[in-house]
Amino acid sequence: VQLVESGGGLVQAGGSLSLSCSASGSGFTISNMAWYRQLPGKQRELASLITKEGLPMAPNSVKGRFTISRDNDKNTVYLQMNSLKPDDTGVYFCSAIVERSPSWGPGTQVTVSS
């Protein structure tokens, strides 16, 4: 299974970006899907998670600004990011639990200018 992210880029503070991540292949079961991010000089951290049933979870740092969703038929997870701040700048990684094992995408750069 390969995870491929798209949608990163450069945006001004206060702007929005949408990320998407699709799992290629077939015949597998995906449970939780999530977005993690690695901000400059920091460890990778959870940005948002969504269960197979569609229950979202997010840390306080992004709650109210980021919205995670998924399309199980397309094996795709989305992240809508609004009111972006320069502190949100980093590499965003898609993650999925595939057949009970974690899979990761290569990451996509998100840069928020002040």
C-alpha atoms as a PDB file:
ATOM      1  CA  VAL A   1       0.000   0.000   0.000  1.00  0.00           C
ATOM      2  CA  GLN A   2       1.310   3.430  -0.925  1.00  0.00           C
ATOM      3  CA  LEU A   3       0.053   6.692   0.530  1.00  0.00           C
ATOM      4  CA  VAL A   4       0.379   9.737  -1.673  1.00  0.00           C
ATOM      5  CA  GLU A   5      -0.238  13.249  -0.372  1.00  0.00           C
ATOM      6  CA  SER A   6      -1.107  16.299  -2.398  1.00  0.00           C
ATOM      7  CA  GLY A   7      -2.123  19.879  -1.783  1.00  0.00           C
ATOM      8  CA  GLY A   8       0.731  21.442   0.134  1.00  0.00           C
ATOM      9  CA  GLY A   9       2.199  24.774  -0.813  1.00  0.00           C
ATOM     10  CA  LEU A  10       2.717  28.380   0.181  1.00  0.00           C
ATOM     11  CA  VAL A  11      -0.010  30.535   1.671  1.00  0.00           C
ATOM     12  CA  GLN A  12      -0.187  33.798   3.569  1.00  0.00           C
ATOM     13  CA  ALA A  13      -1.108  33.885   7.222  1.00  0.00           C
ATOM     14  CA  GLY A  14      -4.859  33.693   7.633  1.00  0.00           C
ATOM     15  CA  GLY A  15      -5.238  31.728   4.431  1.00  0.00           C
ATOM     16  CA  SER A  16      -6.360  28.162   3.761  1.00  0.00           C
ATOM     17  CA  LEU A  17      -4.955  25.006   2.257  1.00  0.00           C
ATOM     18  CA  SER A  18      -6.449  21.619   1.575  1.00  0.00           C
ATOM     19  CA  LEU A  19      -4.470  18.411   1.745  1.00  0.00           C
ATOM     20  CA  SER A  20      -5.497  15.028   0.458  1.00  0.00           C
ATOM     21  CA  CYS A  21      -3.979  11.586   0.747  1.00  0.00           C
ATOM     22  CA  SER A  22      -4.964   8.464  -1.120  1.00  0.00           C
ATOM     23  CA  ALA A  23      -3.988   4.877  -0.499  1.00  0.00           C
ATOM     24  CA  SER A  24      -3.234   2.979  -3.674  1.00  0.00           C
ATOM     25  CA  GLY A  25      -4.051  -0.650  -4.190  1.00  0.00           C
ATOM     26  CA  SER A  26      -6.997  -2.782  -3.162  1.00  0.00           C
ATOM     27  CA  GLY A  27      -7.998  -5.659  -0.964  1.00  0.00           C
ATOM     28  CA  PHE A  28      -6.877  -4.156   2.300  1.00  0.00           C
ATOM     29  CA  THR A  29      -8.602  -2.741   5.361  1.00  0.00           C
ATOM     30  CA  ILE A  30      -7.820   0.730   6.653  1.00  0.00           C
ATOM     31  CA  SER A  31      -8.792   1.721  10.163  1.00  0.00           C
ATOM     32  CA  ASN A  32      -7.612   5.080  11.564  1.00  0.00           C
ATOM     33  CA  MET A  33      -6.266   7.704   9.183  1.00  0.00           C
ATOM     34  CA  ALA A  34      -4.384  10.746  10.330  1.00  0.00           C
ATOM     35  CA  TRP A  35      -2.278  13.732   9.482  1.00  0.00           C
ATOM     36  CA  TYR A  36       0.931  14.353  11.355  1.00  0.00           C
ATOM     37  CA  ARG A  37       3.244  17.294  10.978  1.00  0.00           C
ATOM     38  CA  GLN A  38       6.853  18.019  11.675  1.00  0.00           C
ATOM     39  CA  LEU A  39       7.507  21.643  12.409  1.00  0.00           C
ATOM     40  CA  PRO A  40      11.060  22.993  12.028  1.00  0.00           C
ATOM     41  CA  GLY A  41      13.283  21.793  14.858  1.00  0.00           C
ATOM     42  CA  LYS A  42      10.532  19.748  16.476  1.00  0.00           C
ATOM     43  CA  GLN A  43       9.421  16.153  16.625  1.00  0.00           C
ATOM     44  CA  ARG A  44       6.614  14.841  14.478  1.00  0.00           C
ATOM     45  CA  GLU A  45       3.244  15.497  16.109  1.00  0.00           C
ATOM     46  CA  LEU A  46      -0.345  14.601  15.484  1.00  0.00           C
ATOM     47  CA  ALA A  47      -2.290  17.234  13.552  1.00  0.00           C
ATOM     48  CA  SER A  48      -5.602  15.417  13.218  1.00  0.00           C
ATOM     49  CA  LEU A  49      -6.966  11.868  13.249  1.00  0.00           C
ATOM     50  CA  ILE A  50     -10.171  10.270  12.048  1.00  0.00           C
ATOM     51  CA  THR A  51     -11.452   6.816  12.835  1.00  0.00           C
ATOM     52  CA  LYS A  52     -12.911   4.451  10.264  1.00  0.00           C
ATOM     53  CA  GLU A  53     -16.345   5.424  11.547  1.00  0.00           C
ATOM     54  CA  GLY A  54     -15.587   9.074  10.919  1.00  0.00           C
ATOM     55  CA  LEU A  55     -14.910  10.307  14.460  1.00  0.00           C
ATOM     56  CA  PRO A  56     -12.392  13.161  14.305  1.00  0.00           C
ATOM     57  CA  MET A  57      -9.816  14.086  16.912  1.00  0.00           C
ATOM     58  CA  ALA A  58      -7.443  17.011  16.962  1.00  0.00           C
ATOM     59  CA  PRO A  59      -5.050  18.651  19.384  1.00  0.00           C
ATOM     60  CA  ASN A  60      -5.935  22.039  20.861  1.00  0.00           C
ATOM     61  CA  SER A  61      -3.305  23.728  18.674  1.00  0.00           C
ATOM     62  CA  VAL A  62      -5.389  23.161  15.547  1.00  0.00           C
ATOM     63  CA  LYS A  63      -8.885  22.606  16.917  1.00  0.00           C
ATOM     64  CA  GLY A  64     -11.364  24.911  15.254  1.00  0.00           C
ATOM     65  CA  ARG A  65      -8.999  25.621  12.373  1.00  0.00           C
ATOM     66  CA  PHE A  66      -8.282  22.186  10.862  1.00  0.00           C
ATOM     67  CA  THR A  67     -10.985  19.774   9.708  1.00  0.00           C
ATOM     68  CA  ILE A  68     -10.225  16.179   8.864  1.00  0.00           C
ATOM     69  CA  SER A  69     -12.511  14.007   6.762  1.00  0.00           C
ATOM     70  CA  ARG A  70     -12.312  10.789   4.785  1.00  0.00           C
ATOM     71  CA  ASP A  71     -13.912   8.908   1.943  1.00  0.00           C
ATOM     72  CA  ASN A  72     -13.715   5.207   2.714  1.00  0.00           C
ATOM     73  CA  ASP A  73     -14.796   4.226  -0.797  1.00  0.00           C
ATOM     74  CA  LYS A  74     -11.803   6.107  -2.191  1.00  0.00           C
ATOM     75  CA  ASN A  75      -9.390   5.238   0.652  1.00  0.00           C
ATOM     76  CA  THR A  76      -8.717   8.952   0.905  1.00  0.00           C
ATOM     77  CA  VAL A  77      -8.287  11.303   3.821  1.00  0.00           C
ATOM     78  CA  TYR A  78      -8.502  15.079   3.616  1.00  0.00           C
ATOM     79  CA  LEU A  79      -7.324  17.932   5.796  1.00  0.00           C
ATOM     80  CA  GLN A  80      -8.885  21.362   5.407  1.00  0.00           C
ATOM     81  CA  MET A  81      -6.693  23.949   7.094  1.00  0.00           C
ATOM     82  CA  ASN A  82      -8.089  27.414   7.722  1.00  0.00           C
ATOM     83  CA  SER A  83      -6.772  30.482   9.517  1.00  0.00           C
ATOM     84  CA  LEU A  84      -3.246  29.256   8.969  1.00  0.00           C
ATOM     85  CA  LYS A  85      -0.440  30.718  11.041  1.00  0.00           C
ATOM     86  CA  PRO A  86       3.296  30.901  10.395  1.00  0.00           C
ATOM     87  CA  ASP A  87       3.669  28.412  13.269  1.00  0.00           C
ATOM     88  CA  ASP A  88       1.829  25.845  11.129  1.00  0.00           C
ATOM     89  CA  THR A  89       4.740  25.766   8.701  1.00  0.00           C
ATOM     90  CA  GLY A  90       6.215  22.309   8.333  1.00  0.00           C
ATOM     91  CA  VAL A  91       6.027  18.995   6.555  1.00  0.00           C
ATOM     92  CA  TYR A  92       2.666  17.269   6.764  1.00  0.00           C
ATOM     93  CA  PHE A  93       2.526  13.477   6.626  1.00  0.00           C
ATOM     94  CA  CYS A  94      -0.419  11.243   5.938  1.00  0.00           C
ATOM     95  CA  SER A  95      -0.687   8.100   8.028  1.00  0.00           C
ATOM     96  CA  ALA A  96      -3.024   5.138   7.935  1.00  0.00           C
ATOM     97  CA  ILE A  97      -3.373   1.927   9.841  1.00  0.00           C
ATOM     98  CA  VAL A  98      -3.495  -0.662   7.051  1.00  0.00           C
ATOM     99  CA  GLU A  99      -4.195  -4.221   8.118  1.00  0.00           C
ATOM    100  CA  ARG A 100      -3.227  -3.168  11.661  1.00  0.00           C
ATOM    101  CA  SER A 101       0.165  -1.806  10.579  1.00  0.00           C
ATOM    102  CA  PRO A 102       1.051   1.890  10.143  1.00  0.00           C
ATOM    103  CA  SER A 103       1.791   3.236   6.700  1.00  0.00           C
ATOM    104  CA  TRP A 104       3.172   6.690   5.937  1.00  0.00           C
ATOM    105  CA  GLY A 105       3.204   9.018   3.011  1.00  0.00           C
ATOM    106  CA  PRO A 106       6.393  10.854   1.981  1.00  0.00           C
ATOM    107  CA  GLY A 107       5.096  14.193   3.259  1.00  0.00           C
ATOM    108  CA  THR A 108       4.113  17.490   1.725  1.00  0.00           C
ATOM    109  CA  GLN A 109       5.478  20.915   2.604  1.00  0.00           C
ATOM    110  CA  VAL A 110       3.164  23.566   3.991  1.00  0.00           C
ATOM    111  CA  THR A 111       4.606  27.061   4.302  1.00  0.00           C
ATOM    112  CA  VAL A 112       2.688  29.928   5.863  1.00  0.00           C
ATOM    113  CA  SER A 113       4.199  33.350   5.358  1.00  0.00           C
ATOM    114  CA  SER A 114       3.643  36.234   7.757  1.00  0.00           C
END
